[in-house]
Amino acid sequence: MGPGSASIAGRVHRRRLLKSVAFLIVRDAAGLSQVLVTHLATRARVERLTEESVVEVTAVVAANEQPPNGVELISPEIREEATAFPRDLNRNTP
């Protein structure tokens, strides 16, 4: 990407799908990072992700007071590395 960009790799902690934007919260060893998604094709990819899936995100770093660490990643390129299948928490299976 260039100056002011960063790459992170971690697990999908949460997705927030709003009408005009989506937020992807990625958890890695450093904590939580918020990714702002506005591009329709990228949003479609985010909608298909499941919690705990492993992703790599490369994006521009932008200051913002709202996210947990005071910055968010914008204009992301998101690559899914591994899919986590949702577990049925009501079943008594290991």
PDB file of N, CA and C in Angstrom:
ATOM      1  N   MET A   1       0.812  -1.190   0.000  1.00  0.00           N
ATOM      2  CA  MET A   1       0.000   0.000   0.000  1.00  0.00           C
ATOM      3  C   MET A   1       0.858   1.257   0.000  1.00  0.00           C
ATOM      4  N   GLY A   2       1.713   1.463   0.964  1.00  0.00           N
ATOM      5  CA  GLY A   2       2.536   2.664   0.967  1.00  0.00           C
ATOM      6  C   GLY A   2       2.685   3.234   2.357  1.00  0.00           C
ATOM      7  N   PRO A   3       3.222   4.484   2.454  1.00  0.00           N
ATOM      8  CA  PRO A   3       3.390   5.114   3.765  1.00  0.00           C
ATOM      9  C   PRO A   3       2.047   5.266   4.479  1.00  0.00           C
ATOM     10  N   GLY A   4       2.063   5.041   5.764  1.00  0.00           N
ATOM     11  CA  GLY A   4       0.832   5.167   6.535  1.00  0.00           C
ATOM     12  C   GLY A   4      -0.035   3.939   6.474  1.00  0.00           C
ATOM     13  N   SER A   5       0.481   2.861   5.884  1.00  0.00           N
ATOM     14  CA  SER A   5      -0.301   1.625   5.834  1.00  0.00           C
ATOM     15  C   SER A   5       0.283   0.618   6.818  1.00  0.00           C
ATOM     16  N   ALA A   6      -0.543  -0.356   7.154  1.00  0.00           N
ATOM     17  CA  ALA A   6      -0.130  -1.396   8.093  1.00  0.00           C
ATOM     18  C   ALA A   6      -0.802  -2.699   7.712  1.00  0.00           C
ATOM     19  N   SER A   7      -0.183  -3.792   8.116  1.00  0.00           N
ATOM     20  CA  SER A   7      -0.775  -5.113   7.943  1.00  0.00           C
ATOM     21  C   SER A   7      -0.910  -5.762   9.307  1.00  0.00           C
ATOM     22  N   ILE A   8      -2.049  -6.387   9.528  1.00  0.00           N
ATOM     23  CA  ILE A   8      -2.261  -7.146  10.760  1.00  0.00           C
ATOM     24  C   ILE A   8      -2.812  -8.512  10.372  1.00  0.00           C
ATOM     25  N   ALA A   9      -2.582  -9.466  11.225  1.00  0.00           N
ATOM     26  CA  ALA A   9      -3.145 -10.797  11.041  1.00  0.00           C
ATOM     27  C   ALA A   9      -3.688 -11.246  12.390  1.00  0.00           C
ATOM     28  N   GLY A  10      -4.884 -11.779  12.372  1.00  0.00           N
ATOM     29  CA  GLY A  10      -5.493 -12.225  13.618  1.00  0.00           C
ATOM     30  C   GLY A  10      -6.824 -12.888  13.358  1.00  0.00           C
ATOM     31  N   ARG A  11      -7.605 -13.012  14.406  1.00  0.00           N
ATOM     32  CA  ARG A  11      -8.913 -13.657  14.326  1.00  0.00           C
ATOM     33  C   ARG A  11     -10.026 -12.619  14.295  1.00  0.00           C
ATOM     34  N   VAL A  12     -11.102 -12.948  13.578  1.00  0.00           N
ATOM     35  CA  VAL A  12     -12.271 -12.076  13.561  1.00  0.00           C
ATOM     36  C   VAL A  12     -12.900 -12.124  14.952  1.00  0.00           C
ATOM     37  N   HIS A  13     -12.921 -10.995  15.612  1.00  0.00           N
ATOM     38  CA  HIS A  13     -13.518 -10.909  16.943  1.00  0.00           C
ATOM     39  C   HIS A  13     -15.011 -10.604  16.826  1.00  0.00           C
ATOM     40  N   ARG A  14     -15.331  -9.665  15.926  1.00  0.00           N
ATOM     41  CA  ARG A  14     -16.737  -9.268  15.748  1.00  0.00           C
ATOM     42  C   ARG A  14     -16.883  -8.538  14.417  1.00  0.00           C
ATOM     43  N   ARG A  15     -18.085  -8.610  13.862  1.00  0.00           N
ATOM     44  CA  ARG A  15     -18.445  -7.831  12.677  1.00  0.00           C
ATOM     45  C   ARG A  15     -19.651  -6.986  13.033  1.00  0.00           C
ATOM     46  N   ARG A  16     -19.642  -5.735  12.616  1.00  0.00           N
ATOM     47  CA  ARG A  16     -20.816  -4.872  12.776  1.00  0.00           C
ATOM     48  C   ARG A  16     -21.207  -4.411  11.385  1.00  0.00           C
ATOM     49  N   LEU A  17     -22.347  -4.892  10.914  1.00  0.00           N
ATOM     50  CA  LEU A  17     -22.803  -4.600   9.562  1.00  0.00           C
ATOM     51  C   LEU A  17     -23.901  -3.551   9.625  1.00  0.00           C
ATOM     52  N   LEU A  18     -23.563  -2.326   9.272  1.00  0.00           N
ATOM     53  CA  LEU A  18     -24.518  -1.228   9.261  1.00  0.00           C
ATOM     54  C   LEU A  18     -24.991  -0.999   7.826  1.00  0.00           C
ATOM     55  N   LYS A  19     -25.899  -0.055   7.652  1.00  0.00           N
ATOM     56  CA  LYS A  19     -26.481   0.172   6.330  1.00  0.00           C
ATOM     57  C   LYS A  19     -25.431   0.618   5.304  1.00  0.00           C
ATOM     58  N   SER A  20     -24.614   1.602   5.657  1.00  0.00           N
ATOM     59  CA  SER A  20     -23.680   2.152   4.672  1.00  0.00           C
ATOM     60  C   SER A  20     -22.226   1.732   4.873  1.00  0.00           C
ATOM     61  N   VAL A  21     -21.898   1.205   6.030  1.00  0.00           N
ATOM     62  CA  VAL A  21     -20.526   0.769   6.309  1.00  0.00           C
ATOM     63  C   VAL A  21     -20.556  -0.529   7.113  1.00  0.00           C
ATOM     64  N   ALA A  22     -19.403  -1.157   7.170  1.00  0.00           N
ATOM     65  CA  ALA A  22     -19.241  -2.329   8.026  1.00  0.00           C
ATOM     66  C   ALA A  22     -17.957  -2.141   8.830  1.00  0.00           C
ATOM     67  N   PHE A  23     -17.946  -2.690  10.020  1.00  0.00           N
ATOM     68  CA  PHE A  23     -16.760  -2.668  10.859  1.00  0.00           C
ATOM     69  C   PHE A  23     -16.339  -4.102  11.121  1.00  0.00           C
ATOM     70  N   LEU A  24     -15.057  -4.347  10.957  1.00  0.00           N
ATOM     71  CA  LEU A  24     -14.487  -5.649  11.266  1.00  0.00           C
ATOM     72  C   LEU A  24     -13.524  -5.437  12.422  1.00  0.00           C
ATOM     73  N   ILE A  25     -13.753  -6.142  13.517  1.00  0.00           N
ATOM     74  CA  ILE A  25     -12.864  -6.052  14.678  1.00  0.00           C
ATOM     75  C   ILE A  25     -11.976  -7.294  14.649  1.00  0.00           C
ATOM     76  N   VAL A  26     -10.665  -7.057  14.553  1.00  0.00           N
ATOM     77  CA  VAL A  26      -9.691  -8.143  14.462  1.00  0.00           C
ATOM     78  C   VAL A  26      -8.901  -8.200  15.758  1.00  0.00           C
ATOM     79  N   ARG A  27      -8.749  -9.410  16.296  1.00  0.00           N
ATOM     80  CA  ARG A  27      -8.015  -9.624  17.559  1.00  0.00           C
ATOM     81  C   ARG A  27      -6.699 -10.323  17.246  1.00  0.00           C
ATOM     82  N   ASP A  28      -5.605  -9.728  17.716  1.00  0.00           N
ATOM     83  CA  ASP A  28      -4.300 -10.383  17.609  1.00  0.00           C
ATOM     84  C   ASP A  28      -3.595 -10.270  18.955  1.00  0.00           C
ATOM     85  N   ALA A  29      -2.328 -10.598  19.001  1.00  0.00           N
ATOM     86  CA  ALA A  29      -1.594 -10.583  20.272  1.00  0.00           C
ATOM     87  C   ALA A  29      -1.521  -9.186  20.888  1.00  0.00           C
ATOM     88  N   ALA A  30      -1.613  -8.138  20.065  1.00  0.00           N
ATOM     89  CA  ALA A  30      -1.529  -6.766  20.558  1.00  0.00           C
ATOM     90  C   ALA A  30      -2.870  -6.245  21.072  1.00  0.00           C
ATOM     91  N   GLY A  31      -3.969  -6.921  20.747  1.00  0.00           N
ATOM     92  CA  GLY A  31      -5.286  -6.474  21.186  1.00  0.00           C
ATOM     93  C   GLY A  31      -6.274  -6.426  20.041  1.00  0.00           C
ATOM     94  N   LEU A  32      -7.178  -5.434  20.090  1.00  0.00           N
ATOM     95  CA  LEU A  32      -8.235  -5.311  19.088  1.00  0.00           C
ATOM     96  C   LEU A  32      -7.929  -4.164  18.125  1.00  0.00           C
ATOM     97  N   SER A  33      -8.227  -4.393  16.843  1.00  0.00           N
ATOM     98  CA  SER A  33      -8.093  -3.358  15.821  1.00  0.00           C
ATOM     99  C   SER A  33      -9.410  -3.241  15.079  1.00  0.00           C
ATOM    100  N   GLN A  34      -9.808  -2.001  14.788  1.00  0.00           N
ATOM    101  CA  GLN A  34     -11.056  -1.767  14.062  1.00  0.00           C
ATOM    102  C   GLN A  34     -10.746  -1.464  12.604  1.00  0.00           C
ATOM    103  N   VAL A  35     -11.437  -2.177  11.711  1.00  0.00           N
ATOM    104  CA  VAL A  35     -11.275  -1.996  10.274  1.00  0.00           C
ATOM    105  C   VAL A  35     -12.586  -1.426   9.734  1.00  0.00           C
ATOM    106  N   LEU A  36     -12.522  -0.282   9.057  1.00  0.00           N
ATOM    107  CA  LEU A  36     -13.691   0.356   8.458  1.00  0.00           C
ATOM    108  C   LEU A  36     -13.797  -0.095   7.008  1.00  0.00           C
ATOM    109  N   VAL A  37     -14.959  -0.655   6.645  1.00  0.00           N
ATOM    110  CA  VAL A  37     -15.171  -1.188   5.298  1.00  0.00           C
ATOM    111  C   VAL A  37     -16.301  -0.415   4.636  1.00  0.00           C
ATOM    112  N   THR A  38     -15.994   0.226   3.491  1.00  0.00           N
ATOM    113  CA  THR A  38     -17.011   0.958   2.749  1.00  0.00           C
ATOM    114  C   THR A  38     -17.190   0.425   1.330  1.00  0.00           C
ATOM    115  N   HIS A  39     -16.201  -0.237   0.789  1.00  0.00           N
ATOM    116  CA  HIS A  39     -16.253  -0.761  -0.575  1.00  0.00           C
ATOM    117  C   HIS A  39     -17.182  -1.979  -0.613  1.00  0.00           C
ATOM    118  N   LEU A  40     -18.096  -2.018  -1.584  1.00  0.00           N
ATOM    119  CA  LEU A  40     -19.121  -3.073  -1.634  1.00  0.00           C
ATOM    120  C   LEU A  40     -18.546  -4.477  -1.759  1.00  0.00           C
ATOM    121  N   ALA A  41     -17.539  -4.671  -2.584  1.00  0.00           N
ATOM    122  CA  ALA A  41     -16.962  -6.013  -2.752  1.00  0.00           C
ATOM    123  C   ALA A  41     -16.276  -6.473  -1.467  1.00  0.00           C
ATOM    124  N   THR A  42     -15.588  -5.556  -0.801  1.00  0.00           N
ATOM    125  CA  THR A  42     -14.932  -5.897   0.469  1.00  0.00           C
ATOM    126  C   THR A  42     -15.972  -6.173   1.538  1.00  0.00           C
ATOM    127  N   ARG A  43     -17.054  -5.402   1.535  1.00  0.00           N
ATOM    128  CA  ARG A  43     -18.135  -5.638   2.495  1.00  0.00           C
ATOM    129  C   ARG A  43     -18.733  -7.033   2.309  1.00  0.00           C
ATOM    130  N   ALA A  44     -18.935  -7.447   1.071  1.00  0.00           N
ATOM    131  CA  ALA A  44     -19.472  -8.783   0.807  1.00  0.00           C
ATOM    132  C   ALA A  44     -18.552  -9.857   1.379  1.00  0.00           C
ATOM    133  N   ARG A  45     -17.247  -9.634   1.279  1.00  0.00           N
ATOM    134  CA  ARG A  45     -16.279 -10.580   1.852  1.00  0.00           C
ATOM    135  C   ARG A  45     -16.405 -10.608   3.373  1.00  0.00           C
ATOM    136  N   VAL A  46     -16.567  -9.439   3.989  1.00  0.00           N
ATOM    137  CA  VAL A  46     -16.715  -9.349   5.451  1.00  0.00           C
ATOM    138  C   VAL A  46     -18.000 -10.052   5.897  1.00  0.00           C
ATOM    139  N   GLU A  47     -19.076  -9.897   5.149  1.00  0.00           N
ATOM    140  CA  GLU A  47     -20.352 -10.537   5.500  1.00  0.00           C
ATOM    141  C   GLU A  47     -20.237 -12.055   5.535  1.00  0.00           C
ATOM    142  N   ARG A  48     -19.343 -12.618   4.739  1.00  0.00           N
ATOM    143  CA  ARG A  48     -19.170 -14.082   4.699  1.00  0.00           C
ATOM    144  C   ARG A  48     -18.251 -14.610   5.801  1.00  0.00           C
ATOM    145  N   LEU A  49     -17.496 -13.737   6.441  1.00  0.00           N
ATOM    146  CA  LEU A  49     -16.571 -14.186   7.495  1.00  0.00           C
ATOM    147  C   LEU A  49     -17.335 -14.635   8.731  1.00  0.00           C
ATOM    148  N   THR A  50     -16.799 -15.616   9.415  1.00  0.00           N
ATOM    149  CA  THR A  50     -17.375 -16.057  10.681  1.00  0.00           C
ATOM    150  C   THR A  50     -16.429 -15.636  11.813  1.00  0.00           C
ATOM    151  N   GLU A  51     -16.988 -15.485  13.013  1.00  0.00           N
ATOM    152  CA  GLU A  51     -16.148 -15.157  14.161  1.00  0.00           C
ATOM    153  C   GLU A  51     -15.108 -16.249  14.360  1.00  0.00           C
ATOM    154  N   GLU A  52     -13.914 -15.841  14.722  1.00  0.00           N
ATOM    155  CA  GLU A  52     -12.744 -16.684  14.955  1.00  0.00           C
ATOM    156  C   GLU A  52     -12.040 -17.119  13.674  1.00  0.00           C
ATOM    157  N   SER A  53     -12.548 -16.714  12.497  1.00  0.00           N
ATOM    158  CA  SER A  53     -11.803 -16.967  11.265  1.00  0.00           C
ATOM    159  C   SER A  53     -10.507 -16.168  11.308  1.00  0.00           C
ATOM    160  N   VAL A  54      -9.474 -16.684  10.658  1.00  0.00           N
ATOM    161  CA  VAL A  54      -8.178 -16.015  10.629  1.00  0.00           C
ATOM    162  C   VAL A  54      -8.096 -15.163   9.365  1.00  0.00           C
ATOM    163  N   VAL A  55      -7.746 -13.884   9.543  1.00  0.00           N
ATOM    164  CA  VAL A  55      -7.665 -12.959   8.413  1.00  0.00           C
ATOM    165  C   VAL A  55      -6.348 -12.190   8.447  1.00  0.00           C
ATOM    166  N   GLU A  56      -5.960 -11.704   7.279  1.00  0.00           N
ATOM    167  CA  GLU A  56      -4.859 -10.760   7.169  1.00  0.00           C
ATOM    168  C   GLU A  56      -5.436  -9.499   6.537  1.00  0.00           C
ATOM    169  N   VAL A  57      -5.165  -8.353   7.149  1.00  0.00           N
ATOM    170  CA  VAL A  57      -5.697  -7.078   6.677  1.00  0.00           C
ATOM    171  C   VAL A  57      -4.533  -6.132   6.420  1.00  0.00           C
ATOM    172  N   THR A  58      -4.528  -5.539   5.230  1.00  0.00           N
ATOM    173  CA  THR A  58      -3.584  -4.466   4.903  1.00  0.00           C
ATOM    174  C   THR A  58      -4.428  -3.238   4.601  1.00  0.00           C
ATOM    175  N   ALA A  59      -4.121  -2.128   5.273  1.00  0.00           N
ATOM    176  CA  ALA A  59      -4.966  -0.939   5.136  1.00  0.00           C
ATOM    177  C   ALA A  59      -4.192   0.316   5.530  1.00  0.00           C
ATOM    178  N   VAL A  60      -4.818   1.452   5.277  1.00  0.00           N
ATOM    179  CA  VAL A  60      -4.274   2.749   5.672  1.00  0.00           C
ATOM    180  C   VAL A  60      -4.653   2.998   7.127  1.00  0.00           C
ATOM    181  N   VAL A  61      -3.708   3.502   7.907  1.00  0.00           N
ATOM    182  CA  VAL A  61      -3.949   3.794   9.320  1.00  0.00           C
ATOM    183  C   VAL A  61      -4.459   5.227   9.442  1.00  0.00           C
ATOM    184  N   ALA A  62      -5.598   5.397  10.138  1.00  0.00           N
ATOM    185  CA  ALA A  62      -6.192   6.727  10.319  1.00  0.00           C
ATOM    186  C   ALA A  62      -6.526   6.948  11.789  1.00  0.00           C
ATOM    187  N   ALA A  63      -6.225   8.146  12.279  1.00  0.00           N
ATOM    188  CA  ALA A  63      -6.556   8.491  13.669  1.00  0.00           C
ATOM    189  C   ALA A  63      -8.063   8.643  13.813  1.00  0.00           C
ATOM    190  N   ASN A  64      -8.594   8.122  14.923  1.00  0.00           N
ATOM    191  CA  ASN A  64     -10.022   8.221  15.220  1.00  0.00           C
ATOM    192  C   ASN A  64     -10.196   7.963  16.707  1.00  0.00           C
ATOM    193  N   GLU A  65     -10.957   8.783  17.405  1.00  0.00           N
ATOM    194  CA  GLU A  65     -11.144   8.634  18.850  1.00  0.00           C
ATOM    195  C   GLU A  65     -12.036   7.452  19.220  1.00  0.00           C
ATOM    196  N   GLN A  66     -12.895   7.002  18.327  1.00  0.00           N
ATOM    197  CA  GLN A  66     -13.888   5.976  18.642  1.00  0.00           C
ATOM    198  C   GLN A  66     -13.303   4.573  18.876  1.00  0.00           C
ATOM    199  N   PRO A  67     -12.391   4.073  18.042  1.00  0.00           N
ATOM    200  CA  PRO A  67     -11.897   2.703  18.218  1.00  0.00           C
ATOM    201  C   PRO A  67     -11.114   2.537  19.521  1.00  0.00           C
ATOM    202  N   PRO A  68     -10.931   1.296  19.931  1.00  0.00           N
ATOM    203  CA  PRO A  68     -10.262   1.015  21.206  1.00  0.00           C
ATOM    204  C   PRO A  68      -8.875   1.635  21.354  1.00  0.00           C
ATOM    205  N   ASN A  69      -8.064   1.658  20.303  1.00  0.00           N
ATOM    206  CA  ASN A  69      -6.690   2.155  20.441  1.00  0.00           C
ATOM    207  C   ASN A  69      -6.469   3.523  19.798  1.00  0.00           C
ATOM    208  N   GLY A  70      -7.544   4.225  19.423  1.00  0.00           N
ATOM    209  CA  GLY A  70      -7.420   5.570  18.881  1.00  0.00           C
ATOM    210  C   GLY A  70      -7.103   5.648  17.399  1.00  0.00           C
ATOM    211  N   VAL A  71      -7.014   4.512  16.735  1.00  0.00           N
ATOM    212  CA  VAL A  71      -6.809   4.476  15.283  1.00  0.00           C
ATOM    213  C   VAL A  71      -7.714   3.410  14.687  1.00  0.00           C
ATOM    214  N   GLU A  72      -7.972   3.556  13.389  1.00  0.00           N
ATOM    215  CA  GLU A  72      -8.676   2.503  12.679  1.00  0.00           C
ATOM    216  C   GLU A  72      -8.016   2.304  11.336  1.00  0.00           C
ATOM    217  N   LEU A  73      -8.281   1.163  10.754  1.00  0.00           N
ATOM    218  CA  LEU A  73      -7.730   0.827   9.454  1.00  0.00           C
ATOM    219  C   LEU A  73      -8.799   1.089   8.408  1.00  0.00           C
ATOM    220  N   ILE A  74      -8.449   1.871   7.367  1.00  0.00           N
ATOM    221  CA  ILE A  74      -9.424   2.211   6.335  1.00  0.00           C
ATOM    222  C   ILE A  74      -8.904   1.741   4.969  1.00  0.00           C
ATOM    223  N   SER A  75      -9.787   1.668   3.992  1.00  0.00           N
ATOM    224  CA  SER A  75      -9.462   1.190   2.640  1.00  0.00           C
ATOM    225  C   SER A  75      -8.741  -0.151   2.696  1.00  0.00           C
ATOM    226  N   PRO A  76      -9.338  -1.133   3.371  1.00  0.00           N
ATOM    227  CA  PRO A  76      -8.623  -2.386   3.606  1.00  0.00           C
ATOM    228  C   PRO A  76      -8.628  -3.347   2.414  1.00  0.00           C
ATOM    229  N   GLU A  77      -7.602  -4.156   2.390  1.00  0.00           N
ATOM    230  CA  GLU A  77      -7.555  -5.366   1.582  1.00  0.00           C
ATOM    231  C   GLU A  77      -7.604  -6.496   2.604  1.00  0.00           C
ATOM    232  N   ILE A  78      -8.605  -7.367   2.505  1.00  0.00           N
ATOM    233  CA  ILE A  78      -8.811  -8.409   3.501  1.00  0.00           C
ATOM    234  C   ILE A  78      -8.652  -9.771   2.835  1.00  0.00           C
ATOM    235  N   ARG A  79      -7.814 -10.595   3.426  1.00  0.00           N
ATOM    236  CA  ARG A  79      -7.610 -11.958   2.920  1.00  0.00           C
ATOM    237  C   ARG A  79      -7.922 -12.947   4.037  1.00  0.00           C
ATOM    238  N   GLU A  80      -8.828 -13.865   3.764  1.00  0.00           N
ATOM    239  CA  GLU A  80      -9.164 -14.896   4.747  1.00  0.00           C
ATOM    240  C   GLU A  80      -8.144 -16.016   4.651  1.00  0.00           C
ATOM    241  N   GLU A  81      -7.501 -16.312   5.773  1.00  0.00           N
ATOM    242  CA  GLU A  81      -6.484 -17.354   5.825  1.00  0.00           C
ATOM    243  C   GLU A  81      -7.069 -18.703   6.234  1.00  0.00           C
ATOM    244  N   ALA A  82      -8.045 -18.692   7.134  1.00  0.00           N
ATOM    245  CA  ALA A  82      -8.673 -19.926   7.611  1.00  0.00           C
ATOM    246  C   ALA A  82     -10.075 -19.615   8.103  1.00  0.00           C
ATOM    247  N   THR A  83     -11.015 -20.487   7.784  1.00  0.00           N
ATOM    248  CA  THR A  83     -12.407 -20.298   8.174  1.00  0.00           C
ATOM    249  C   THR A  83     -12.688 -21.043   9.462  1.00  0.00           C
ATOM    250  N   ALA A  84     -13.342 -20.368  10.389  1.00  0.00           N
ATOM    251  CA  ALA A  84     -13.811 -21.025  11.616  1.00  0.00           C
ATOM    252  C   ALA A  84     -15.281 -21.334  11.419  1.00  0.00           C
ATOM    253  N   PHE A  85     -15.646 -22.568  11.664  1.00  0.00           N
ATOM    254  CA  PHE A  85     -17.040 -22.949  11.506  1.00  0.00           C
ATOM    255  C   PHE A  85     -17.783 -22.655  12.796  1.00  0.00           C
ATOM    256  N   PRO A  86     -18.958 -22.024  12.703  1.00  0.00           N
ATOM    257  CA  PRO A  86     -19.713 -21.685  13.923  1.00  0.00           C
ATOM    258  C   PRO A  86     -20.084 -22.935  14.697  1.00  0.00           C
ATOM    259  N   ARG A  87     -19.971 -22.855  16.002  1.00  0.00           N
ATOM    260  CA  ARG A  87     -20.345 -23.971  16.860  1.00  0.00           C
ATOM    261  C   ARG A  87     -21.733 -23.726  17.397  1.00  0.00           C
ATOM    262  N   ASP A  88     -22.485 -24.777  17.539  1.00  0.00           N
ATOM    263  CA  ASP A  88     -23.801 -24.692  18.151  1.00  0.00           C
ATOM    264  C   ASP A  88     -23.594 -24.761  19.672  1.00  0.00           C
ATOM    265  N   LEU A  89     -23.731 -23.630  20.335  1.00  0.00           N
ATOM    266  CA  LEU A  89     -23.440 -23.562  21.760  1.00  0.00           C
ATOM    267  C   LEU A  89     -24.498 -24.244  22.603  1.00  0.00           C
ATOM    268  N   ASN A  90     -25.617 -24.636  21.995  1.00  0.00           N
ATOM    269  CA  ASN A  90     -26.667 -25.316  22.740  1.00  0.00           C
ATOM    270  C   ASN A  90     -26.479 -26.829  22.772  1.00  0.00           C
ATOM    271  N   ARG A  91     -25.534 -27.311  22.013  1.00  0.00           N
ATOM    272  CA  ARG A  91     -25.272 -28.759  21.997  1.00  0.00           C
ATOM    273  C   ARG A  91     -24.202 -29.113  23.015  1.00  0.00           C
ATOM    274  N   ASN A  92     -24.297 -30.271  23.588  1.00  0.00           N
ATOM    275  CA  ASN A  92     -23.304 -30.736  24.564  1.00  0.00           C
ATOM    276  C   ASN A  92     -22.255 -31.585  23.861  1.00  0.00           C
ATOM    277  N   THR A  93     -21.477 -30.961  22.990  1.00  0.00           N
ATOM    278  CA  THR A  93     -20.421 -31.668  22.283  1.00  0.00           C
ATOM    279  C   THR A  93     -19.089 -31.013  22.601  1.00  0.00           C
ATOM    280  N   PRO A  94     -18.027 -31.794  22.620  1.00  0.00           N
ATOM    281  CA  PRO A  94     -16.701 -31.234  22.928  1.00  0.00           C
ATOM    282  C   PRO A  94     -16.186 -30.351  21.826  1.00  0.00           C
TER     283      PRO A  94
END
